[in-house]
C-alpha atoms as a PDB file:
ATOM      1  CA  UNK A   1      -9.987 -14.557  -4.657  1.00  0.00           C
ATOM      2  CA  UNK A   2      -8.191 -12.488  -1.923  1.00  0.00           C
ATOM      3  CA  UNK A   3      -7.385  -9.394  -3.023  1.00  0.00           C
ATOM      4  CA  UNK A   4      -4.848  -6.974  -1.336  1.00  0.00           C
ATOM      5  CA  UNK A   5      -5.175  -3.227  -2.132  1.00  0.00           C
ATOM      6  CA  UNK A   6      -1.472  -1.996  -1.678  1.00  0.00           C
ATOM      7  CA  UNK A   7       0.750   0.920  -2.438  1.00  0.00           C
ATOM      8  CA  UNK A   8       3.184   2.490   0.165  1.00  0.00           C
ATOM      9  CA  UNK A   9       2.347   5.941  -0.754  1.00  0.00           C
ATOM     10  CA  UNK A  10      -0.286   7.538   1.261  1.00  0.00           C
ATOM     11  CA  UNK A  11      -3.468   9.388  -0.202  1.00  0.00           C
ATOM     12  CA  UNK A  12      -3.863   7.271  -3.202  1.00  0.00           C
ATOM     13  CA  UNK A  13      -7.174   5.962  -2.396  1.00  0.00           C
ATOM     14  CA  UNK A  14      -6.351   2.601  -0.912  1.00  0.00           C
ATOM     15  CA  UNK A  15      -8.988   2.513   1.762  1.00  0.00           C
ATOM     16  CA  UNK A  16     -11.631   4.056  -0.390  1.00  0.00           C
ATOM     17  CA  UNK A  17     -10.948   1.493  -2.940  1.00  0.00           C
ATOM     18  CA  UNK A  18     -10.903  -1.391  -0.369  1.00  0.00           C
ATOM     19  CA  UNK A  19     -14.226  -0.386   1.181  1.00  0.00           C
ATOM     20  CA  UNK A  20     -16.171   0.247  -1.841  1.00  0.00           C
ATOM     21  CA  UNK A  21     -14.917  -2.592  -3.960  1.00  0.00           C
ATOM     22  CA  UNK A  22     -15.787  -4.789  -1.230  1.00  0.00           C
ATOM     23  CA  UNK A  23     -19.165  -3.293  -0.817  1.00  0.00           C
ATOM     24  CA  UNK A  24     -19.745  -3.518  -4.705  1.00  0.00           C
ATOM     25  CA  UNK A  25     -18.697  -7.265  -4.688  1.00  0.00           C
ATOM     26  CA  UNK A  26     -21.110  -7.721  -1.855  1.00  0.00           C
ATOM     27  CA  UNK A  27     -24.060  -5.969  -3.881  1.00  0.00           C
ATOM     28  CA  UNK A  28     -23.335  -8.410  -6.666  1.00  0.00           C
ATOM     29  CA  UNK A  29     -24.318 -11.108  -4.262  1.00  0.00           C
ATOM     30  CA  UNK A  30     -20.707 -12.311  -3.290  1.00  0.00           C
ATOM     31  CA  UNK A  31     -20.171 -13.025   0.295  1.00  0.00           C
ATOM     32  CA  UNK A  32     -17.265 -10.697   0.840  1.00  0.00           C
ATOM     33  CA  UNK A  33     -14.811 -10.117   3.976  1.00  0.00           C
ATOM     34  CA  UNK A  34     -13.028  -6.790   4.500  1.00  0.00           C
ATOM     35  CA  UNK A  35      -9.812  -7.060   6.552  1.00  0.00           C
ATOM     36  CA  UNK A  36      -8.461  -3.749   7.856  1.00  0.00           C
ATOM     37  CA  UNK A  37      -4.669  -3.952   8.278  1.00  0.00           C
ATOM     38  CA  UNK A  38      -4.055  -0.372   8.815  1.00  0.00           C
ATOM     39  CA  UNK A  39      -3.516   0.968  12.294  1.00  0.00           C
ATOM     40  CA  UNK A  40      -5.447   4.259  11.300  1.00  0.00           C
ATOM     41  CA  UNK A  41      -8.637   1.944  10.929  1.00  0.00           C
ATOM     42  CA  UNK A  42     -10.200   4.160   8.290  1.00  0.00           C
ATOM     43  CA  UNK A  43     -11.727   1.257   6.874  1.00  0.00           C
ATOM     44  CA  UNK A  44     -13.247  -0.186  10.109  1.00  0.00           C
ATOM     45  CA  UNK A  45     -14.631   3.589  10.830  1.00  0.00           C
ATOM     46  CA  UNK A  46     -16.297   3.585   7.361  1.00  0.00           C
ATOM     47  CA  UNK A  47     -18.820   1.126   8.970  1.00  0.00           C
ATOM     48  CA  UNK A  48     -18.172   0.960  12.852  1.00  0.00           C
ATOM     49  CA  UNK A  49     -18.053   3.388  15.835  1.00  0.00           C
ATOM     50  CA  UNK A  50     -14.389   3.830  17.079  1.00  0.00           C
ATOM     51  CA  UNK A  51     -15.256   1.761  20.305  1.00  0.00           C
ATOM     52  CA  UNK A  52     -17.793  -0.612  18.642  1.00  0.00           C
ATOM     53  CA  UNK A  53     -15.695  -3.732  19.008  1.00  0.00           C
ATOM     54  CA  UNK A  54     -13.895  -5.354  21.742  1.00  0.00           C
ATOM     55  CA  UNK A  55     -11.067  -7.309  19.624  1.00  0.00           C
ATOM     56  CA  UNK A  56      -9.533  -6.649  16.466  1.00  0.00           C
ATOM     57  CA  UNK A  57      -7.006  -7.891  13.927  1.00  0.00           C
ATOM     58  CA  UNK A  58      -4.176  -7.222  16.242  1.00  0.00           C
ATOM     59  CA  UNK A  59      -5.513  -9.782  18.747  1.00  0.00           C
ATOM     60  CA  UNK A  60      -5.958 -12.425  16.190  1.00  0.00           C
ATOM     61  CA  UNK A  61      -2.402 -11.930  14.801  1.00  0.00           C
ATOM     62  CA  UNK A  62      -0.548 -11.704  18.107  1.00  0.00           C
ATOM     63  CA  UNK A  63      -2.691 -14.153  20.310  1.00  0.00           C
ATOM     64  CA  UNK A  64      -3.147 -17.822  18.878  1.00  0.00           C
ATOM     65  CA  UNK A  65      -6.204 -18.249  21.410  1.00  0.00           C
ATOM     66  CA  UNK A  66      -8.024 -15.489  19.301  1.00  0.00           C
ATOM     67  CA  UNK A  67      -9.676 -16.956  16.255  1.00  0.00           C
ATOM     68  CA  UNK A  68     -10.170 -14.623  13.206  1.00  0.00           C
ATOM     69  CA  UNK A  69     -13.972 -15.493  13.061  1.00  0.00           C
ATOM     70  CA  UNK A  70     -14.262 -14.347  16.680  1.00  0.00           C
ATOM     71  CA  UNK A  71     -13.121 -10.872  15.686  1.00  0.00           C
ATOM     72  CA  UNK A  72     -15.072 -10.484  12.488  1.00  0.00           C
ATOM     73  CA  UNK A  73     -17.959  -8.095  12.682  1.00  0.00           C
ATOM     74  CA  UNK A  74     -21.215  -7.972  10.345  1.00  0.00           C
ATOM     75  CA  UNK A  75     -21.691  -4.681   8.723  1.00  0.00           C
ATOM     76  CA  UNK A  76     -25.092  -3.121   7.687  1.00  0.00           C
ATOM     77  CA  UNK A  77     -24.223  -3.792   4.062  1.00  0.00           C
ATOM     78  CA  UNK A  78     -25.880  -7.254   3.151  1.00  0.00           C
ATOM     79  CA  UNK A  79     -23.044 -10.125   2.415  1.00  0.00           C
ATOM     80  CA  UNK A  80     -20.304  -7.869   3.680  1.00  0.00           C
ATOM     81  CA  UNK A  81     -18.326  -8.682   6.984  1.00  0.00           C
ATOM     82  CA  UNK A  82     -15.285  -6.704   8.362  1.00  0.00           C
ATOM     83  CA  UNK A  83     -12.422  -7.658  10.555  1.00  0.00           C
ATOM     84  CA  UNK A  84     -11.865  -4.446  12.322  1.00  0.00           C
ATOM     85  CA  UNK A  85      -8.535  -2.661  13.023  1.00  0.00           C
ATOM     86  CA  UNK A  86      -7.403  -0.127  15.771  1.00  0.00           C
ATOM     87  CA  UNK A  87      -4.426   1.896  17.011  1.00  0.00           C
ATOM     88  CA  UNK A  88      -2.816  -0.993  18.783  1.00  0.00           C
ATOM     89  CA  UNK A  89      -1.864  -2.384  15.465  1.00  0.00           C
ATOM     90  CA  UNK A  90       0.937   0.198  15.242  1.00  0.00           C
ATOM     91  CA  UNK A  91       2.649  -1.778  17.759  1.00  0.00           C
ATOM     92  CA  UNK A  92       2.623  -5.157  15.917  1.00  0.00           C
ATOM     93  CA  UNK A  93       6.043  -4.973  14.387  1.00  0.00           C
ATOM     94  CA  UNK A  94       8.092  -4.951  17.702  1.00  0.00           C
ATOM     95  CA  UNK A  95       5.541  -7.393  18.953  1.00  0.00           C
ATOM     96  CA  UNK A  96       6.356 -10.052  16.330  1.00  0.00           C
ATOM     97  CA  UNK A  97      10.122  -9.152  16.007  1.00  0.00           C
ATOM     98  CA  UNK A  98      12.038 -12.262  16.112  1.00  0.00           C
ATOM     99  CA  UNK A  99       9.104 -14.624  15.414  1.00  0.00           C
ATOM    100  CA  UNK A 100       9.845 -17.047  12.705  1.00  0.00           C
ATOM    101  CA  UNK A 101       6.225 -16.933  11.338  1.00  0.00           C
ATOM    102  CA  UNK A 102       5.891 -13.099  11.460  1.00  0.00           C
ATOM    103  CA  UNK A 103       5.315 -12.793   7.793  1.00  0.00           C
ATOM    104  CA  UNK A 104       2.611 -15.605   7.687  1.00  0.00           C
ATOM    105  CA  UNK A 105       0.347 -14.800  10.367  1.00  0.00           C
ATOM    106  CA  UNK A 106      -2.349 -13.344   8.477  1.00  0.00           C
ATOM    107  CA  UNK A 107      -2.024 -16.320   5.679  1.00  0.00           C
ATOM    108  CA  UNK A 108      -2.340 -18.771   8.524  1.00  0.00           C
ATOM    109  CA  UNK A 109      -5.102 -17.320  10.374  1.00  0.00           C
ATOM    110  CA  UNK A 110      -7.020 -16.485   7.263  1.00  0.00           C
ATOM    111  CA  UNK A 111      -6.780 -19.797   5.608  1.00  0.00           C
ATOM    112  CA  UNK A 112      -9.854 -21.294   6.947  1.00  0.00           C
ATOM    113  CA  UNK A 113     -12.133 -18.409   7.301  1.00  0.00           C
ATOM    114  CA  UNK A 114     -11.552 -17.307   3.720  1.00  0.00           C
ATOM    115  CA  UNK A 115     -13.288 -20.601   2.562  1.00  0.00           C
ATOM    116  CA  UNK A 116     -16.467 -19.283   3.710  1.00  0.00           C
ATOM    117  CA  UNK A 117     -16.341 -16.104   1.532  1.00  0.00           C
ATOM    118  CA  UNK A 118     -16.571 -15.741  -2.102  1.00  0.00           C
ATOM    119  CA  UNK A 119     -14.172 -12.743  -1.936  1.00  0.00           C
ATOM    120  CA  UNK A 120     -11.810 -11.263   0.758  1.00  0.00           C
ATOM    121  CA  UNK A 121     -10.365  -7.740   0.431  1.00  0.00           C
ATOM    122  CA  UNK A 122      -7.460  -6.633   2.373  1.00  0.00           C
ATOM    123  CA  UNK A 123      -6.837  -2.960   3.067  1.00  0.00           C
ATOM    124  CA  UNK A 124      -3.094  -2.146   3.882  1.00  0.00           C
ATOM    125  CA  UNK A 125      -1.256   0.589   5.663  1.00  0.00           C
ATOM    126  CA  UNK A 126       0.783   3.122   3.360  1.00  0.00           C
ATOM    127  CA  UNK A 127       4.128   1.462   3.927  1.00  0.00           C
ATOM    128  CA  UNK A 128       6.078  -1.655   2.726  1.00  0.00           C
ATOM    129  CA  UNK A 129       6.237  -3.116   6.466  1.00  0.00           C
ATOM    130  CA  UNK A 130       5.228  -6.393   8.020  1.00  0.00           C
ATOM    131  CA  UNK A 131       1.613  -5.758   7.672  1.00  0.00           C
ATOM    132  CA  UNK A 132       1.674  -4.987   3.790  1.00  0.00           C
ATOM    133  CA  UNK A 133       4.012  -8.075   3.495  1.00  0.00           C
ATOM    134  CA  UNK A 134       1.620 -10.210   5.520  1.00  0.00           C
ATOM    135  CA  UNK A 135      -1.064  -9.130   3.153  1.00  0.00           C
ATOM    136  CA  UNK A 136       0.911 -10.007  -0.048  1.00  0.00           C
ATOM    137  CA  UNK A 137       1.752 -13.339   1.370  1.00  0.00           C
ATOM    138  CA  UNK A 138      -1.996 -14.238   2.286  1.00  0.00           C
ATOM    139  CA  UNK A 139      -3.447 -12.605  -0.962  1.00  0.00           C
ATOM    140  CA  UNK A 140      -4.172 -14.527  -4.383  1.00  0.00           C
ATOM    141  CA  UNK A 141      -4.161 -10.974  -6.150  1.00  0.00           C
ATOM    142  CA  UNK A 142      -2.973  -7.290  -5.656  1.00  0.00           C
ATOM    143  CA  UNK A 143      -4.616  -4.054  -6.859  1.00  0.00           C
ATOM    144  CA  UNK A 144      -2.407  -1.185  -6.974  1.00  0.00           C
ATOM    145  CA  UNK A 145      -4.121   2.362  -6.665  1.00  0.00           C
ATOM    146  CA  UNK A 146      -2.248   5.122  -8.298  1.00  0.00           C
ATOM    147  CA  UNK A 147      -3.091   8.644  -8.072  1.00  0.00           C
ATOM    148  CA  UNK A 148      -3.240  10.579 -11.330  1.00  0.00           C
ATOM    149  CA  UNK A 149      -0.788  13.226  -9.887  1.00  0.00           C
ATOM    150  CA  UNK A 150       2.730  14.400 -10.666  1.00  0.00           C
ATOM    151  CA  UNK A 151       4.376  11.838  -8.316  1.00  0.00           C
ATOM    152  CA  UNK A 152       2.135   9.193  -9.317  1.00  0.00           C
ATOM    153  CA  UNK A 153       4.744   6.717 -10.097  1.00  0.00           C
ATOM    154  CA  UNK A 154       6.996   7.357  -7.270  1.00  0.00           C
ATOM    155  CA  UNK A 155       7.569   4.116  -5.307  1.00  0.00           C
ATOM    156  CA  UNK A 156       5.960   1.862  -7.825  1.00  0.00           C
ATOM    157  CA  UNK A 157       9.274   0.179  -8.524  1.00  0.00           C
ATOM    158  CA  UNK A 158       9.712  -0.677  -4.761  1.00  0.00           C
ATOM    159  CA  UNK A 159       6.401  -2.081  -4.586  1.00  0.00           C
ATOM    160  CA  UNK A 160       6.586  -4.133  -7.812  1.00  0.00           C
ATOM    161  CA  UNK A 161      10.045  -5.326  -6.449  1.00  0.00           C
ATOM    162  CA  UNK A 162       8.434  -6.438  -3.360  1.00  0.00           C
ATOM    163  CA  UNK A 163       5.609  -8.451  -5.201  1.00  0.00           C
ATOM    164  CA  UNK A 164       8.373 -10.082  -7.055  1.00  0.00           C
ATOM    165  CA  UNK A 165      10.260 -11.199  -3.969  1.00  0.00           C
ATOM    166  CA  UNK A 166       7.170 -12.404  -2.348  1.00  0.00           C
ATOM    167  CA  UNK A 167       6.333 -14.479  -5.379  1.00  0.00           C
ATOM    168  CA  UNK A 168       9.790 -15.780  -5.583  1.00  0.00           C
ATOM    169  CA  UNK A 169      10.117 -16.895  -1.677  1.00  0.00           C
ATOM    170  CA  UNK A 170       6.659 -16.809   0.115  1.00  0.00           C
ATOM    171  CA  UNK A 171       3.723 -16.906  -2.298  1.00  0.00           C
ATOM    172  CA  UNK A 172       4.163 -18.152  -5.988  1.00  0.00           C
ATOM    173  CA  UNK A 173       0.568 -17.620  -6.825  1.00  0.00           C
ATOM    174  CA  UNK A 174       0.421 -13.992  -6.258  1.00  0.00           C
ATOM    175  CA  UNK A 175      -0.733 -12.189  -9.268  1.00  0.00           C
ATOM    176  CA  UNK A 176      -1.097  -8.432  -9.967  1.00  0.00           C
ATOM    177  CA  UNK A 177      -4.824  -8.359 -10.959  1.00  0.00           C
ATOM    178  CA  UNK A 178      -4.470  -4.510 -11.837  1.00  0.00           C
ATOM    179  CA  UNK A 179      -3.396  -0.973 -11.675  1.00  0.00           C
ATOM    180  CA  UNK A 180      -6.335   1.436 -10.610  1.00  0.00           C
ATOM    181  CA  UNK A 181      -5.766   5.097 -11.671  1.00  0.00           C
ATOM    182  CA  UNK A 182      -7.735   7.157  -8.606  1.00  0.00           C
ATOM    183  CA  UNK A 183      -8.344  10.613  -7.916  1.00  0.00           C
ATOM    184  CA  UNK A 184      -8.654  11.529 -11.480  1.00  0.00           C
ATOM    185  CA  UNK A 185      -9.296  15.137 -12.191  1.00  0.00           C
ATOM    186  CA  UNK A 186     -11.071  15.259 -15.560  1.00  0.00           C
ATOM    187  CA  UNK A 187     -10.595  19.171 -15.676  1.00  0.00           C
ATOM    188  CA  UNK A 188      -6.908  19.195 -15.781  1.00  0.00           C
ATOM    189  CA  UNK A 189      -4.564  18.517 -18.745  1.00  0.00           C
ATOM    190  CA  UNK A 190      -2.057  17.157 -16.326  1.00  0.00           C
ATOM    191  CA  UNK A 191      -4.304  14.495 -14.905  1.00  0.00           C
ATOM    192  CA  UNK A 192      -4.735  13.331 -18.567  1.00  0.00           C
ATOM    193  CA  UNK A 193      -1.047  13.517 -19.182  1.00  0.00           C
ATOM    194  CA  UNK A 194      -0.369  11.501 -15.838  1.00  0.00           C
ATOM    195  CA  UNK A 195      -3.069   9.040 -16.838  1.00  0.00           C
ATOM    196  CA  UNK A 196      -1.442   8.285 -20.210  1.00  0.00           C
ATOM    197  CA  UNK A 197       1.893   7.933 -18.737  1.00  0.00           C
ATOM    198  CA  UNK A 198       0.519   5.351 -16.082  1.00  0.00           C
ATOM    199  CA  UNK A 199      -0.894   3.361 -19.014  1.00  0.00           C
ATOM    200  CA  UNK A 200       2.196   3.529 -20.875  1.00  0.00           C
ATOM    201  CA  UNK A 201       4.207   2.073 -18.023  1.00  0.00           C
ATOM    202  CA  UNK A 202       1.703  -0.799 -17.156  1.00  0.00           C
ATOM    203  CA  UNK A 203      -0.038  -1.346 -20.323  1.00  0.00           C
ATOM    204  CA  UNK A 204      -3.050  -3.655 -20.080  1.00  0.00           C
ATOM    205  CA  UNK A 205      -2.554  -4.291 -16.384  1.00  0.00           C
ATOM    206  CA  UNK A 206      -4.286  -0.713 -15.959  1.00  0.00           C
ATOM    207  CA  UNK A 207      -7.990  -1.151 -15.193  1.00  0.00           C
ATOM    208  CA  UNK A 208     -10.381   0.436 -17.815  1.00  0.00           C
ATOM    209  CA  UNK A 209     -12.209   1.828 -15.031  1.00  0.00           C
ATOM    210  CA  UNK A 210     -10.838   5.230 -13.732  1.00  0.00           C
ATOM    211  CA  UNK A 211     -12.017   6.608 -10.125  1.00  0.00           C
ATOM    212  CA  UNK A 212     -12.394  10.208 -10.563  1.00  0.00           C
ATOM    213  CA  UNK A 213     -12.348  12.835  -7.698  1.00  0.00           C
ATOM    214  CA  UNK A 214     -15.714  12.921  -5.960  1.00  0.00           C
ATOM    215  CA  UNK A 215     -17.325  14.918  -3.057  1.00  0.00           C
ATOM    216  CA  UNK A 216     -19.630  11.986  -2.365  1.00  0.00           C
ATOM    217  CA  UNK A 217     -16.837   9.530  -2.039  1.00  0.00           C
ATOM    218  CA  UNK A 218     -15.144  11.943   0.625  1.00  0.00           C
ATOM    219  CA  UNK A 219     -18.543  12.316   2.711  1.00  0.00           C
ATOM    220  CA  UNK A 220     -19.846   8.768   2.724  1.00  0.00           C
ATOM    221  CA  UNK A 221     -17.206   7.469   5.475  1.00  0.00           C
ATOM    222  CA  UNK A 222     -18.823  10.094   8.042  1.00  0.00           C
ATOM    223  CA  UNK A 223     -22.020   8.583   7.628  1.00  0.00           C
ATOM    224  CA  UNK A 224     -20.648   5.101   8.183  1.00  0.00           C
ATOM    225  CA  UNK A 225     -21.705   3.833   4.567  1.00  0.00           C
ATOM    226  CA  UNK A 226     -19.955   2.776   1.230  1.00  0.00           C
ATOM    227  CA  UNK A 227     -20.897   5.270  -1.610  1.00  0.00           C
ATOM    228  CA  UNK A 228     -23.178   2.575  -3.103  1.00  0.00           C
ATOM    229  CA  UNK A 229     -25.532   3.125  -0.486  1.00  0.00           C
ATOM    230  CA  UNK A 230     -24.795   6.788   0.599  1.00  0.00           C
ATOM    231  CA  UNK A 231     -25.163   7.937  -3.058  1.00  0.00           C
ATOM    232  CA  UNK A 232     -26.019   5.266  -5.073  1.00  0.00           C
ATOM    233  CA  UNK A 233     -26.448   7.414  -8.477  1.00  0.00           C
ATOM    234  CA  UNK A 234     -23.130   9.349  -7.916  1.00  0.00           C
ATOM    235  CA  UNK A 235     -20.157   8.890 -10.355  1.00  0.00           C
ATOM    236  CA  UNK A 236     -18.082   7.078  -7.542  1.00  0.00           C
ATOM    237  CA  UNK A 237     -20.748   4.396  -7.005  1.00  0.00           C
ATOM    238  CA  UNK A 238     -21.110   3.882 -10.776  1.00  0.00           C
ATOM    239  CA  UNK A 239     -17.096   3.529 -11.178  1.00  0.00           C
ATOM    240  CA  UNK A 240     -16.988   1.209  -8.116  1.00  0.00           C
ATOM    241  CA  UNK A 241     -19.693  -0.984  -9.653  1.00  0.00           C
ATOM    242  CA  UNK A 242     -17.903  -1.105 -12.918  1.00  0.00           C
ATOM    243  CA  UNK A 243     -14.671  -1.909 -10.993  1.00  0.00           C
ATOM    244  CA  UNK A 244     -16.193  -4.815  -9.388  1.00  0.00           C
ATOM    245  CA  UNK A 245     -17.046  -6.215 -12.749  1.00  0.00           C
ATOM    246  CA  UNK A 246     -13.726  -5.911 -14.005  1.00  0.00           C
ATOM    247  CA  UNK A 247     -12.135  -7.412 -10.923  1.00  0.00           C
ATOM    248  CA  UNK A 248     -14.477 -10.304 -11.249  1.00  0.00           C
ATOM    249  CA  UNK A 249     -13.716 -10.851 -15.005  1.00  0.00           C
ATOM    250  CA  UNK A 250      -9.940 -10.676 -14.452  1.00  0.00           C
ATOM    251  CA  UNK A 251     -10.183 -12.885 -11.311  1.00  0.00           C
ATOM    252  CA  UNK A 252     -11.650 -15.682 -13.437  1.00  0.00           C
ATOM    253  CA  UNK A 253      -9.170 -15.290 -16.382  1.00  0.00           C
ATOM    254  CA  UNK A 254      -6.075 -15.484 -13.835  1.00  0.00           C
END
């Protein structure tokens, strides 16, 4: 299963979800690859030092001589490897402008490598540009994180429209695995109301698991660890363990 974590809105927990879902899948014994497609490289920085790798996903996407397997790095988490990102990735759109295979680069580079893993998780940038489209073309499934805030559903229609267009033209097997409510604040009535609204719009596509606001989730990247190892007994760790179970169950059914 190749799962893209996508939403063009920023601050909805995409990278937190990509990092901790990948770590949770690895903890369940699944060989897992995390691909960082965000030029901000926050997923990469959750495991590696900023200058701890010579090549990144940028090199593999623009240079046919660079194999994706030569870019990946083993993390300290058992069963989890990462393809790192970096700021140069911000230059990829003009670099690939006019290239006939621009939207298929990741799919083609990932095809052989993905066979060596049970699960692949793709972290995407907060925009519906070339990199996010590459992720959706390469993926078998997409998870849409939505923050339980007033503007939660803003932009959701655009993302769903993009998914449908990609299914129609480039990746007919792409499926929405689920919508994930994130940054949920149990203390507020507004969060509960927005959560109910999200479930009203998306129905059974919404995961049962909800990711609540958590200091431990915010702290763990600074220590180069997912929350499962940084604070294994925290609410965030337990919630991502439960999400991994749901993801696997839904993946088996789809």
